[in-house]
Protein backbone atom coordinates (compact mmCIF):
# COMPACT_ATOMS: atom_id res chain seq x y z
CA UNK A 1 93.61 119.48 111.45
CA UNK A 2 96.43 122.00 110.99
CA UNK A 3 99.94 121.12 109.82
CA UNK A 4 101.39 120.89 113.34
CA UNK A 5 98.61 118.61 114.56
CA UNK A 6 98.94 116.44 111.49
CA UNK A 7 102.71 116.12 111.81
CA UNK A 8 102.39 115.26 115.51
CA UNK A 9 99.85 112.58 114.66
CA UNK A 10 101.94 111.04 111.88
CA UNK A 11 105.44 111.07 113.38
CA UNK A 12 106.66 109.88 116.76
CA UNK A 13 109.41 112.50 116.79
CA UNK A 14 108.79 115.87 115.06
CA UNK A 15 112.54 116.25 114.57
CA UNK A 16 113.22 112.91 112.86
CA UNK A 17 113.92 112.23 109.18
CA UNK A 18 110.34 111.44 108.27
CA UNK A 19 109.07 114.69 109.80
CA UNK A 20 111.77 116.69 108.02
CA UNK A 21 110.71 115.25 104.66
CA UNK A 22 106.97 115.51 105.21
CA UNK A 23 106.81 119.00 106.79
CA UNK A 24 107.34 121.03 103.59
CA UNK A 25 104.98 118.77 101.67
CA UNK A 26 102.05 119.41 104.01
CA UNK A 27 102.82 123.08 104.61
CA UNK A 28 103.43 124.07 100.98
CA UNK A 29 100.63 122.14 99.31
CA UNK A 30 97.00 122.37 100.40
CA UNK A 31 96.17 119.43 98.16
CA UNK A 32 98.80 117.17 99.71
CA UNK A 33 97.83 118.36 103.18
CA UNK A 34 94.26 117.24 102.46
CA UNK A 35 95.53 113.92 101.08
CA UNK A 36 97.62 113.32 104.21
CA UNK A 37 94.68 114.16 106.48
CA UNK A 38 92.39 111.79 104.60
CA UNK A 39 94.98 108.99 104.82
CA UNK A 40 96.52 109.89 108.17
CA UNK A 41 95.76 106.57 109.87
CA UNK A 42 97.40 104.54 107.08
CA UNK A 43 100.39 106.87 106.87
CA UNK A 44 100.91 106.91 110.63
CA UNK A 45 100.85 103.11 110.81
CA UNK A 46 103.31 102.71 107.94
CA UNK A 47 105.72 105.30 109.31
CA UNK A 48 105.65 103.96 112.85
CA UNK A 49 106.03 100.31 111.84
CA UNK A 50 108.95 100.96 109.46
CA UNK A 51 111.54 98.94 111.36
CA UNK A 52 114.53 99.67 109.12
CA UNK A 53 115.95 102.64 107.26
CA UNK A 54 115.12 100.88 104.00
CA UNK A 55 111.47 100.37 104.94
CA UNK A 56 111.19 103.99 106.07
CA UNK A 57 112.62 105.23 102.79
CA UNK A 58 110.08 103.08 100.93
CA UNK A 59 107.19 104.71 102.80
CA UNK A 60 108.57 108.19 102.16
CA UNK A 61 108.96 107.34 98.49
CA UNK A 62 105.31 106.29 98.30
CA UNK A 63 104.33 109.65 99.78
CA UNK A 64 106.65 111.54 97.45
CA UNK A 65 105.09 109.87 94.41
CA UNK A 66 101.61 110.55 95.80
CA UNK A 67 102.55 114.19 96.29
CA UNK A 68 103.59 114.49 92.65
CA UNK A 69 100.24 113.27 91.33
CA UNK A 70 98.16 115.03 93.98
CA UNK A 71 99.64 118.31 92.73
CA UNK A 72 97.98 117.76 89.36
CA UNK A 73 94.36 118.91 89.62
CA UNK A 74 93.37 116.44 86.92
CA UNK A 75 94.26 113.56 89.27
CA UNK A 76 92.53 111.94 92.20
CA UNK A 77 94.94 109.84 94.25
CA UNK A 78 93.97 106.96 96.54
CA UNK A 79 96.39 105.35 98.97
CA UNK A 80 96.11 101.57 99.15
CA UNK A 81 92.70 101.57 97.51
CA UNK A 82 92.44 97.79 97.69
CA UNK A 83 93.17 97.61 101.40
CA UNK A 84 96.17 97.66 103.73
CA UNK A 85 97.74 94.36 104.68
CA UNK A 86 95.12 92.32 102.80
CA UNK A 87 97.23 90.44 100.30
CA UNK A 88 99.42 91.98 97.65
CA UNK A 89 98.04 95.07 95.97
CA UNK A 90 99.32 98.39 94.55
CA UNK A 91 100.33 101.30 96.76
CA UNK A 92 98.57 104.11 94.88
CA UNK A 93 95.68 104.44 92.47
CA UNK A 94 95.47 107.53 90.27
CA UNK A 95 92.26 108.50 88.49
CA UNK A 96 92.99 110.93 85.66
CA UNK A 97 90.21 113.27 84.49
CA UNK A 98 87.70 111.07 86.36
CA UNK A 99 87.86 108.38 83.67
CA UNK A 100 91.32 106.76 83.38
CA UNK A 101 92.47 104.68 86.34
CA UNK A 102 96.04 103.48 86.78
CA UNK A 103 97.50 101.54 89.70
CA UNK A 104 101.02 102.40 90.86
CA UNK A 105 103.24 100.00 92.77
CA UNK A 106 106.12 102.05 94.24
CA UNK A 107 109.45 100.54 95.22
CA UNK A 108 112.96 101.68 96.04
CA UNK A 109 115.75 99.49 94.70
CA UNK A 110 119.17 99.20 96.26
CA UNK A 111 122.11 99.93 94.01
CA UNK A 112 123.76 96.85 92.44
CA UNK A 113 126.25 95.19 94.77
CA UNK A 114 128.47 92.15 95.11
CA UNK A 115 125.66 89.58 94.84
CA UNK A 116 123.94 91.27 91.89
CA UNK A 117 126.58 93.50 90.27
CA UNK A 118 124.41 94.77 87.40
CA UNK A 119 121.02 96.41 87.14
CA UNK A 120 119.77 93.77 84.69
CA UNK A 121 119.76 90.97 87.26
CA UNK A 122 118.39 93.20 90.00
CA UNK A 123 115.55 94.51 87.82
CA UNK A 124 114.59 91.06 86.59
CA UNK A 125 114.23 89.86 90.19
CA UNK A 126 112.36 93.01 91.21
CA UNK A 127 109.82 92.79 88.39
CA UNK A 128 109.22 89.07 88.97
CA UNK A 129 108.55 89.80 92.65
CA UNK A 130 106.14 92.63 91.89
CA UNK A 131 104.04 90.98 89.18
CA UNK A 132 101.79 89.48 91.85
CA UNK A 133 100.72 93.01 92.81
CA UNK A 134 99.46 93.90 89.33
CA UNK A 135 95.65 94.07 89.24
CA UNK A 136 94.11 92.02 86.38
CA UNK A 137 92.09 93.86 83.73
CA UNK A 138 93.67 97.15 84.85
CA UNK A 139 96.38 99.63 83.95
CA UNK A 140 99.35 98.92 86.23
CA UNK A 141 102.65 100.77 86.45
CA UNK A 142 105.71 99.91 88.54
CA UNK A 143 107.49 103.03 89.84
CA UNK A 144 111.14 102.33 90.68
CA UNK A 145 113.62 104.66 92.36
CA UNK A 146 117.23 103.71 92.99
CA UNK A 147 118.91 104.72 96.23
CA UNK A 148 121.77 106.51 94.48
CA UNK A 149 119.78 107.67 91.47
CA UNK A 150 121.89 105.69 89.00
CA UNK A 151 119.09 103.68 87.39
CA UNK A 152 118.20 104.73 83.83
CA UNK A 153 115.35 103.91 81.48
CA UNK A 154 117.85 102.29 79.11
CA UNK A 155 118.75 99.78 81.80
CA UNK A 156 115.07 99.01 82.36
CA UNK A 157 114.54 98.46 78.63
CA UNK A 158 117.54 96.12 78.44
CA UNK A 159 116.48 94.21 81.54
CA UNK A 160 112.93 93.63 80.27
CA UNK A 161 114.26 92.36 76.95
CA UNK A 162 116.57 89.97 78.79
CA UNK A 163 113.75 88.87 81.11
CA UNK A 164 111.56 87.91 78.16
CA UNK A 165 114.43 85.93 76.61
CA UNK A 166 115.16 84.07 79.84
CA UNK A 167 111.51 83.15 80.35
CA UNK A 168 110.99 81.99 76.77
CA UNK A 169 114.16 79.89 76.93
CA UNK A 170 113.29 78.57 80.42
CA UNK A 171 116.76 79.61 81.48
CA UNK A 172 117.93 78.36 84.87
CA UNK A 173 115.53 78.30 87.79
CA UNK A 174 114.08 81.77 87.17
CA UNK A 175 110.46 80.65 86.77
CA UNK A 176 110.45 78.27 89.73
CA UNK A 177 112.25 80.77 91.98
CA UNK A 178 109.40 83.25 91.62
CA UNK A 179 106.57 80.74 91.69
CA UNK A 180 105.74 80.51 87.97
CA UNK A 181 104.93 77.05 86.62
CA UNK A 182 105.91 77.77 83.01
CA UNK A 183 106.35 80.66 80.53
CA UNK A 184 102.59 80.81 79.94
CA UNK A 185 101.99 81.31 83.66
CA UNK A 186 104.58 84.11 83.73
CA UNK A 187 103.11 85.96 80.76
CA UNK A 188 99.59 85.74 82.21
CA UNK A 189 100.83 88.09 84.93
CA UNK A 190 103.36 90.03 82.86
CA UNK A 191 100.62 91.15 80.46
CA UNK A 192 99.05 93.23 83.25
CA UNK A 193 102.21 95.32 83.68
CA UNK A 194 101.56 98.34 81.48
CA UNK A 195 104.86 100.12 82.13
CA UNK A 196 107.75 100.99 84.41
CA UNK A 197 108.65 104.52 85.53
CA UNK A 198 112.19 105.34 86.62
CA UNK A 199 111.58 107.79 89.44
CA UNK A 200 114.14 110.46 90.25
CA UNK A 201 113.78 111.27 93.92
CA UNK A 202 114.15 114.79 95.29
CA UNK A 203 117.49 113.71 96.70
CA UNK A 204 118.95 113.36 93.21
CA UNK A 205 119.17 115.68 90.24
CA UNK A 206 116.12 115.37 88.03
CA UNK A 207 116.69 113.27 84.95
CA UNK A 208 115.95 114.50 81.47
CA UNK A 209 114.11 112.85 78.62
CA UNK A 210 112.12 109.66 78.78
CA UNK A 211 111.57 108.00 82.13
CA UNK A 212 108.89 105.51 81.12
CA UNK A 213 109.19 102.02 79.62
CA UNK A 214 105.95 100.74 78.10
CA UNK A 215 105.28 97.02 77.87
CA UNK A 216 104.65 96.00 74.23
CA UNK A 217 102.92 92.84 75.52
CA UNK A 218 100.52 94.65 77.86
CA UNK A 219 96.85 93.72 77.56
CA UNK A 220 96.04 97.24 78.73
CA UNK A 221 98.50 99.61 77.00
CA UNK A 222 98.82 103.05 78.53
CA UNK A 223 96.73 105.67 76.70
CA UNK A 224 98.56 108.70 75.35
CA UNK A 225 97.32 110.98 78.13
CA UNK A 226 98.75 108.63 80.77
CA UNK A 227 102.07 108.29 78.94
CA UNK A 228 102.46 112.06 79.09
CA UNK A 229 101.51 112.14 82.77
CA UNK A 230 103.91 109.35 83.72
CA UNK A 231 106.93 110.72 81.90
CA UNK A 232 107.88 112.75 84.96
């Protein structure tokens, strides 16, 4: 399947936003082209059922993250390894050097607004929502991109510290709102979150320095080789 055939299969309109983003990825990278061909049915379904601009951007972000790891010959990337639409599971699974497997849940966060004016509150809610998609006994990383590119790793670090405090102190209705019975129930899931990557999309200037928060309470800490790979 050549690039034109693939693009026609994936996108309803070859001139729309999705096609414009995907075209250079599949024409400039043989490895991503092969990845897209292998996963064309999943990608097509997700693109064509994205009912809002936000949902479309989320799908494109998943593909952008996949493209980054596919470009590294040490990585094998699987798209929705645990099934599509069968419960909550990670978007991508990366196998590094055929021995280290890490699951990536990819999400795009809206910039803070009137209801949640600071990143701390928004990140706490986001992480609590995503914990159910962490696979037990596995390395799991949450990849977060902000629409305007304003999110920083320092804000993630501060938010995770505040989240731990709120859970331990049983502050407000936080636990009940996200379906946790008590702090112990929360930490049973939180321990499977190995880290959080702040992703800088192509639309924004690339950040410098550290872009990875590692969870000191993780049952499966990220090995050094994965820390280096994830500090994109």
